[in-house]
């Protein structure tokens, strides 16, 4: 299957347990059906499309809240993080971080003349880094970090 993410080992165990835990608490029938689809996909050993997105949302919540580490230990957390990075939202974060690192590398050897942080919106900040002939504007927020503008 194109775009399918294989799920196995400890990551599969954590993903299945987390999905089933949420499924047991959800009352909305539509949401229950979507979660049941994710559980079925995990039983098949791969997720894709809407199932991958729903799984990424659950894993992200478990990772951010510390639940995954608390219940499954550091090894479970690392396995879950590795799986999250292979799912579409996780891949997007990795690509964004790579783009930021490339942009920041352009500052190597330059003297930073100005550094400022501004509140752009709820939970989102702008970081401006300026040299005498170069400026980077980064956006940092709940959706991750991204390069907003680059100028020479």
C-alpha atoms as a PDB file:
ATOM      1  CA  UNK A   1       0.000   0.000   0.000  1.00  0.00           C
ATOM      2  CA  UNK A   2       1.351   3.423  -0.971  1.00  0.00           C
ATOM      3  CA  UNK A   3       1.767   5.811   1.966  1.00  0.00           C
ATOM      4  CA  UNK A   4       1.200   3.074   4.525  1.00  0.00           C
ATOM      5  CA  UNK A   5       3.267   3.186   7.712  1.00  0.00           C
ATOM      6  CA  UNK A   6       4.236  -0.176   9.135  1.00  0.00           C
ATOM      7  CA  UNK A   7       3.675  -0.469  12.885  1.00  0.00           C
ATOM      8  CA  UNK A   8       5.364  -3.242  14.837  1.00  0.00           C
ATOM      9  CA  UNK A   9       7.125  -4.112  18.065  1.00  0.00           C
ATOM     10  CA  UNK A  10       6.859  -1.960  21.151  1.00  0.00           C
ATOM     11  CA  UNK A  11       5.489   0.977  19.139  1.00  0.00           C
ATOM     12  CA  UNK A  12       2.586  -1.202  18.003  1.00  0.00           C
ATOM     13  CA  UNK A  13       1.885  -2.299  21.580  1.00  0.00           C
ATOM     14  CA  UNK A  14       1.853   1.291  22.866  1.00  0.00           C
ATOM     15  CA  UNK A  15      -0.200   2.553  19.904  1.00  0.00           C
ATOM     16  CA  UNK A  16      -2.774  -0.196  20.327  1.00  0.00           C
ATOM     17  CA  UNK A  17      -3.025   0.321  24.100  1.00  0.00           C
ATOM     18  CA  UNK A  18      -3.346   4.098  23.785  1.00  0.00           C
ATOM     19  CA  UNK A  19      -5.982   3.831  21.058  1.00  0.00           C
ATOM     20  CA  UNK A  20      -7.979   1.278  23.027  1.00  0.00           C
ATOM     21  CA  UNK A  21      -7.746   3.412  26.199  1.00  0.00           C
ATOM     22  CA  UNK A  22      -9.199   6.414  24.385  1.00  0.00           C
ATOM     23  CA  UNK A  23     -11.786   4.231  22.638  1.00  0.00           C
ATOM     24  CA  UNK A  24     -13.005   2.976  26.017  1.00  0.00           C
ATOM     25  CA  UNK A  25     -13.699   6.547  27.162  1.00  0.00           C
ATOM     26  CA  UNK A  26     -15.197   8.113  24.027  1.00  0.00           C
ATOM     27  CA  UNK A  27     -18.979   8.345  23.902  1.00  0.00           C
ATOM     28  CA  UNK A  28     -19.455   9.888  20.448  1.00  0.00           C
ATOM     29  CA  UNK A  29     -20.337   7.068  18.030  1.00  0.00           C
ATOM     30  CA  UNK A  30     -18.618   8.708  15.050  1.00  0.00           C
ATOM     31  CA  UNK A  31     -15.371   9.119  16.962  1.00  0.00           C
ATOM     32  CA  UNK A  32     -15.675   5.570  18.320  1.00  0.00           C
ATOM     33  CA  UNK A  33     -15.995   4.265  14.767  1.00  0.00           C
ATOM     34  CA  UNK A  34     -12.883   6.147  13.643  1.00  0.00           C
ATOM     35  CA  UNK A  35     -10.912   4.842  16.624  1.00  0.00           C
ATOM     36  CA  UNK A  36     -12.120   1.286  15.957  1.00  0.00           C
ATOM     37  CA  UNK A  37     -10.785   1.674  12.407  1.00  0.00           C
ATOM     38  CA  UNK A  38      -7.396   2.696  13.844  1.00  0.00           C
ATOM     39  CA  UNK A  39      -7.381  -0.351  16.146  1.00  0.00           C
ATOM     40  CA  UNK A  40      -8.185  -2.605  13.169  1.00  0.00           C
ATOM     41  CA  UNK A  41      -5.402  -1.017  11.112  1.00  0.00           C
ATOM     42  CA  UNK A  42      -2.958  -1.547  13.988  1.00  0.00           C
ATOM     43  CA  UNK A  43      -4.006  -5.199  14.160  1.00  0.00           C
ATOM     44  CA  UNK A  44      -3.119  -5.422  10.450  1.00  0.00           C
ATOM     45  CA  UNK A  45       0.294  -3.909  11.230  1.00  0.00           C
ATOM     46  CA  UNK A  46       0.028  -0.727   9.159  1.00  0.00           C
ATOM     47  CA  UNK A  47      -1.827   2.562   9.084  1.00  0.00           C
ATOM     48  CA  UNK A  48      -2.435   5.096   6.350  1.00  0.00           C
ATOM     49  CA  UNK A  49      -4.613   8.056   5.470  1.00  0.00           C
ATOM     50  CA  UNK A  50      -7.158   9.078   8.087  1.00  0.00           C
ATOM     51  CA  UNK A  51      -6.084   6.211  10.366  1.00  0.00           C
ATOM     52  CA  UNK A  52      -2.481   7.476  10.358  1.00  0.00           C
ATOM     53  CA  UNK A  53      -3.629  11.022  11.117  1.00  0.00           C
ATOM     54  CA  UNK A  54      -5.873   9.855  13.992  1.00  0.00           C
ATOM     55  CA  UNK A  55      -3.065   7.714  15.408  1.00  0.00           C
ATOM     56  CA  UNK A  56      -0.622  10.615  15.180  1.00  0.00           C
ATOM     57  CA  UNK A  57      -3.061  12.813  17.113  1.00  0.00           C
ATOM     58  CA  UNK A  58      -3.372  10.211  19.888  1.00  0.00           C
ATOM     59  CA  UNK A  59       0.362   9.579  20.092  1.00  0.00           C
ATOM     60  CA  UNK A  60       1.140  13.294  20.121  1.00  0.00           C
ATOM     61  CA  UNK A  61      -1.224  13.810  23.047  1.00  0.00           C
ATOM     62  CA  UNK A  62       0.292  10.875  24.929  1.00  0.00           C
ATOM     63  CA  UNK A  63       3.831  12.112  24.295  1.00  0.00           C
ATOM     64  CA  UNK A  64       3.109  15.738  25.184  1.00  0.00           C
ATOM     65  CA  UNK A  65       1.224  14.896  28.360  1.00  0.00           C
ATOM     66  CA  UNK A  66       3.902  12.475  29.583  1.00  0.00           C
ATOM     67  CA  UNK A  67       1.371   9.644  29.693  1.00  0.00           C
ATOM     68  CA  UNK A  68       3.356   7.416  27.315  1.00  0.00           C
ATOM     69  CA  UNK A  69       6.544   7.740  29.363  1.00  0.00           C
ATOM     70  CA  UNK A  70       4.684   7.252  32.657  1.00  0.00           C
ATOM     71  CA  UNK A  71       2.919   4.087  31.491  1.00  0.00           C
ATOM     72  CA  UNK A  72       5.439   2.498  29.115  1.00  0.00           C
ATOM     73  CA  UNK A  73       8.774   3.845  30.352  1.00  0.00           C
ATOM     74  CA  UNK A  74      11.590   5.453  28.385  1.00  0.00           C
ATOM     75  CA  UNK A  75      11.775   2.569  25.894  1.00  0.00           C
ATOM     76  CA  UNK A  76       8.055   2.813  25.138  1.00  0.00           C
ATOM     77  CA  UNK A  77       8.365   6.557  24.796  1.00  0.00           C
ATOM     78  CA  UNK A  78      11.270   6.263  22.343  1.00  0.00           C
ATOM     79  CA  UNK A  79       9.464   3.617  20.274  1.00  0.00           C
ATOM     80  CA  UNK A  80       6.349   5.798  20.186  1.00  0.00           C
ATOM     81  CA  UNK A  81       8.358   8.874  19.218  1.00  0.00           C
ATOM     82  CA  UNK A  82      10.035   6.942  16.395  1.00  0.00           C
ATOM     83  CA  UNK A  83       6.607   5.846  15.128  1.00  0.00           C
ATOM     84  CA  UNK A  84       5.222   9.385  15.422  1.00  0.00           C
ATOM     85  CA  UNK A  85       8.103  10.697  13.295  1.00  0.00           C
ATOM     86  CA  UNK A  86       7.150   8.254  10.518  1.00  0.00           C
ATOM     87  CA  UNK A  87       3.501   9.377  10.474  1.00  0.00           C
ATOM     88  CA  UNK A  88       2.596  12.370   8.244  1.00  0.00           C
ATOM     89  CA  UNK A  89       2.440  15.044  11.009  1.00  0.00           C
ATOM     90  CA  UNK A  90       5.749  13.817  12.457  1.00  0.00           C
ATOM     91  CA  UNK A  91       7.418  13.829   9.038  1.00  0.00           C
ATOM     92  CA  UNK A  92       6.226  17.418   8.559  1.00  0.00           C
ATOM     93  CA  UNK A  93       7.826  18.425  11.866  1.00  0.00           C
ATOM     94  CA  UNK A  94      11.117  16.794  10.879  1.00  0.00           C
ATOM     95  CA  UNK A  95      11.094  18.563   7.517  1.00  0.00           C
ATOM     96  CA  UNK A  96      10.322  21.871   9.212  1.00  0.00           C
ATOM     97  CA  UNK A  97      13.191  21.399  11.682  1.00  0.00           C
ATOM     98  CA  UNK A  98      15.556  20.564   8.849  1.00  0.00           C
ATOM     99  CA  UNK A  99      14.502  23.706   6.986  1.00  0.00           C
ATOM    100  CA  UNK A 100      15.090  25.795  10.120  1.00  0.00           C
ATOM    101  CA  UNK A 101      18.533  24.285  10.663  1.00  0.00           C
ATOM    102  CA  UNK A 102      19.493  25.064   7.081  1.00  0.00           C
ATOM    103  CA  UNK A 103      18.337  28.676   7.490  1.00  0.00           C
ATOM    104  CA  UNK A 104      20.142  29.068  10.825  1.00  0.00           C
ATOM    105  CA  UNK A 105      23.338  27.676   9.288  1.00  0.00           C
ATOM    106  CA  UNK A 106      23.378  30.787   7.061  1.00  0.00           C
ATOM    107  CA  UNK A 107      24.060  32.809  10.223  1.00  0.00           C
ATOM    108  CA  UNK A 108      27.317  30.985  10.949  1.00  0.00           C
ATOM    109  CA  UNK A 109      30.178  33.442  11.323  1.00  0.00           C
ATOM    110  CA  UNK A 110      27.902  36.493  11.289  1.00  0.00           C
ATOM    111  CA  UNK A 111      27.478  38.866  14.196  1.00  0.00           C
ATOM    112  CA  UNK A 112      23.921  38.939  15.487  1.00  0.00           C
ATOM    113  CA  UNK A 113      22.838  42.546  15.814  1.00  0.00           C
ATOM    114  CA  UNK A 114      19.250  42.046  16.881  1.00  0.00           C
ATOM    115  CA  UNK A 115      17.239  39.231  18.364  1.00  0.00           C
ATOM    116  CA  UNK A 116      13.572  39.711  19.225  1.00  0.00           C
ATOM    117  CA  UNK A 117      10.607  37.588  20.213  1.00  0.00           C
ATOM    118  CA  UNK A 118       7.039  38.723  19.587  1.00  0.00           C
ATOM    119  CA  UNK A 119       3.670  37.188  20.407  1.00  0.00           C
ATOM    120  CA  UNK A 120       1.949  36.517  17.089  1.00  0.00           C
ATOM    121  CA  UNK A 121      -1.187  34.838  18.421  1.00  0.00           C
ATOM    122  CA  UNK A 122      -2.342  32.368  21.052  1.00  0.00           C
ATOM    123  CA  UNK A 123       0.530  29.969  21.593  1.00  0.00           C
ATOM    124  CA  UNK A 124       2.504  31.284  18.618  1.00  0.00           C
ATOM    125  CA  UNK A 125       5.607  33.445  18.654  1.00  0.00           C
ATOM    126  CA  UNK A 126       7.795  35.124  16.088  1.00  0.00           C
ATOM    127  CA  UNK A 127      11.557  35.142  16.510  1.00  0.00           C
ATOM    128  CA  UNK A 128      13.563  37.609  14.429  1.00  0.00           C
ATOM    129  CA  UNK A 129      17.323  37.228  14.127  1.00  0.00           C
ATOM    130  CA  UNK A 130      19.142  40.019  12.303  1.00  0.00           C
ATOM    131  CA  UNK A 131      22.739  40.582  11.238  1.00  0.00           C
ATOM    132  CA  UNK A 132      24.078  43.556   9.312  1.00  0.00           C
ATOM    133  CA  UNK A 133      22.971  42.041   6.008  1.00  0.00           C
ATOM    134  CA  UNK A 134      20.710  39.109   6.835  1.00  0.00           C
ATOM    135  CA  UNK A 135      17.401  38.517   8.619  1.00  0.00           C
ATOM    136  CA  UNK A 136      15.535  35.368   9.611  1.00  0.00           C
ATOM    137  CA  UNK A 137      11.980  35.317  10.921  1.00  0.00           C
ATOM    138  CA  UNK A 138      10.898  32.078  12.564  1.00  0.00           C
ATOM    139  CA  UNK A 139       7.434  31.103  13.811  1.00  0.00           C
ATOM    140  CA  UNK A 140       7.276  28.924  16.903  1.00  0.00           C
ATOM    141  CA  UNK A 141       3.995  27.492  18.115  1.00  0.00           C
ATOM    142  CA  UNK A 142       1.850  24.514  18.914  1.00  0.00           C
ATOM    143  CA  UNK A 143       2.134  23.261  15.354  1.00  0.00           C
ATOM    144  CA  UNK A 144       5.928  23.300  15.585  1.00  0.00           C
ATOM    145  CA  UNK A 145       8.551  25.668  14.251  1.00  0.00           C
ATOM    146  CA  UNK A 146       8.750  26.987  10.718  1.00  0.00           C
ATOM    147  CA  UNK A 147      10.663  29.506   8.699  1.00  0.00           C
ATOM    148  CA  UNK A 148       8.473  32.541   7.991  1.00  0.00           C
ATOM    149  CA  UNK A 149      10.876  34.720   5.971  1.00  0.00           C
ATOM    150  CA  UNK A 150      14.499  34.893   5.049  1.00  0.00           C
ATOM    151  CA  UNK A 151      16.168  37.940   3.625  1.00  0.00           C
ATOM    152  CA  UNK A 152      19.594  39.133   2.662  1.00  0.00           C
END
